[in-house]
């Protein structure tokens, strides 16, 4: 199942969307809901994952050793 999700600020009563070619002549579901609370204003593609850090400097991967286990 392919899903398209967009967040927009509504400035009029009309919304225009562009959908992929493979959606044409197919049944689709459109859901519109108001976003409550604070919106995440990070730039797309920026990761906010910082749960831990792992130093891999000097690490040498040995495929044979990994497959032994």
C-alpha atoms as a PDB file:
ATOM      1  CA  UNK A   1       0.000   0.000   0.000  1.00  0.00           C
ATOM      2  CA  UNK A   2       1.393   3.352  -0.995  1.00  0.00           C
ATOM      3  CA  UNK A   3       0.628   6.292   1.295  1.00  0.00           C
ATOM      4  CA  UNK A   4       1.036   9.996   0.659  1.00  0.00           C
ATOM      5  CA  UNK A   5       0.995  12.316   3.652  1.00  0.00           C
ATOM      6  CA  UNK A   6       1.258  16.092   3.474  1.00  0.00           C
ATOM      7  CA  UNK A   7       0.996  18.840   6.057  1.00  0.00           C
ATOM      8  CA  UNK A   8      -0.131  22.213   4.771  1.00  0.00           C
ATOM      9  CA  UNK A   9      -1.373  25.491   6.112  1.00  0.00           C
ATOM     10  CA  UNK A  10      -4.823  26.097   4.678  1.00  0.00           C
ATOM     11  CA  UNK A  11      -5.274  29.554   3.179  1.00  0.00           C
ATOM     12  CA  UNK A  12      -8.560  29.014   1.290  1.00  0.00           C
ATOM     13  CA  UNK A  13     -11.484  26.579   1.021  1.00  0.00           C
ATOM     14  CA  UNK A  14      -9.894  24.711  -1.900  1.00  0.00           C
ATOM     15  CA  UNK A  15      -6.971  22.281  -1.832  1.00  0.00           C
ATOM     16  CA  UNK A  16      -5.234  20.879  -4.925  1.00  0.00           C
ATOM     17  CA  UNK A  17      -3.179  17.665  -4.795  1.00  0.00           C
ATOM     18  CA  UNK A  18      -1.060  15.869  -7.344  1.00  0.00           C
ATOM     19  CA  UNK A  19      -1.171  12.088  -7.114  1.00  0.00           C
ATOM     20  CA  UNK A  20       1.055   9.406  -8.688  1.00  0.00           C
ATOM     21  CA  UNK A  21       0.141   7.956 -12.082  1.00  0.00           C
ATOM     22  CA  UNK A  22      -0.593   4.508 -10.610  1.00  0.00           C
ATOM     23  CA  UNK A  23      -3.455   5.992  -8.546  1.00  0.00           C
ATOM     24  CA  UNK A  24      -5.411   6.909 -11.696  1.00  0.00           C
ATOM     25  CA  UNK A  25      -8.535   4.752 -12.220  1.00  0.00           C
ATOM     26  CA  UNK A  26      -8.163   3.331  -8.684  1.00  0.00           C
ATOM     27  CA  UNK A  27     -10.301   3.777  -5.581  1.00  0.00           C
ATOM     28  CA  UNK A  28      -8.546   6.026  -3.043  1.00  0.00           C
ATOM     29  CA  UNK A  29      -9.356   7.359   0.414  1.00  0.00           C
ATOM     30  CA  UNK A  30      -8.842  10.999   1.301  1.00  0.00           C
ATOM     31  CA  UNK A  31      -8.722  11.996   4.962  1.00  0.00           C
ATOM     32  CA  UNK A  32      -8.474  15.610   6.120  1.00  0.00           C
ATOM     33  CA  UNK A  33      -8.010  16.423   9.777  1.00  0.00           C
ATOM     34  CA  UNK A  34      -6.956  19.425  11.772  1.00  0.00           C
ATOM     35  CA  UNK A  35      -3.520  19.184  13.404  1.00  0.00           C
ATOM     36  CA  UNK A  36      -3.676  20.067  17.078  1.00  0.00           C
ATOM     37  CA  UNK A  37      -0.741  20.886  19.298  1.00  0.00           C
ATOM     38  CA  UNK A  38       2.673  22.089  18.193  1.00  0.00           C
ATOM     39  CA  UNK A  39       3.876  21.235  14.722  1.00  0.00           C
ATOM     40  CA  UNK A  40       7.379  19.919  14.136  1.00  0.00           C
ATOM     41  CA  UNK A  41       9.084  22.649  12.108  1.00  0.00           C
ATOM     42  CA  UNK A  42      12.316  20.758  11.378  1.00  0.00           C
ATOM     43  CA  UNK A  43      13.626  20.776   7.856  1.00  0.00           C
ATOM     44  CA  UNK A  44      12.649  17.646   5.896  1.00  0.00           C
ATOM     45  CA  UNK A  45      15.408  15.071   5.811  1.00  0.00           C
ATOM     46  CA  UNK A  46      17.002  16.228   9.050  1.00  0.00           C
ATOM     47  CA  UNK A  47      17.229  13.420  11.581  1.00  0.00           C
ATOM     48  CA  UNK A  48      16.500  14.132  15.216  1.00  0.00           C
ATOM     49  CA  UNK A  49      17.789  10.742  16.408  1.00  0.00           C
ATOM     50  CA  UNK A  50      20.356  11.245  19.129  1.00  0.00           C
ATOM     51  CA  UNK A  51      19.581   8.498  21.649  1.00  0.00           C
ATOM     52  CA  UNK A  52      23.176   7.282  21.730  1.00  0.00           C
ATOM     53  CA  UNK A  53      26.474   7.741  19.961  1.00  0.00           C
ATOM     54  CA  UNK A  54      28.815   4.954  18.904  1.00  0.00           C
ATOM     55  CA  UNK A  55      32.447   5.563  18.020  1.00  0.00           C
ATOM     56  CA  UNK A  56      33.411   3.253  15.121  1.00  0.00           C
ATOM     57  CA  UNK A  57      36.828   4.740  14.412  1.00  0.00           C
ATOM     58  CA  UNK A  58      39.399   2.012  13.990  1.00  0.00           C
ATOM     59  CA  UNK A  59      36.732  -0.685  13.637  1.00  0.00           C
ATOM     60  CA  UNK A  60      37.567  -3.258  10.973  1.00  0.00           C
ATOM     61  CA  UNK A  61      34.619  -5.308   9.711  1.00  0.00           C
ATOM     62  CA  UNK A  62      35.400  -8.960   9.060  1.00  0.00           C
ATOM     63  CA  UNK A  63      32.634 -10.625   7.041  1.00  0.00           C
ATOM     64  CA  UNK A  64      33.984 -14.128   7.721  1.00  0.00           C
ATOM     65  CA  UNK A  65      33.935 -13.556  11.460  1.00  0.00           C
ATOM     66  CA  UNK A  66      30.371 -12.207  11.285  1.00  0.00           C
ATOM     67  CA  UNK A  67      29.154 -15.303   9.423  1.00  0.00           C
ATOM     68  CA  UNK A  68      30.789 -17.684  11.936  1.00  0.00           C
ATOM     69  CA  UNK A  69      28.264 -16.821  14.619  1.00  0.00           C
END
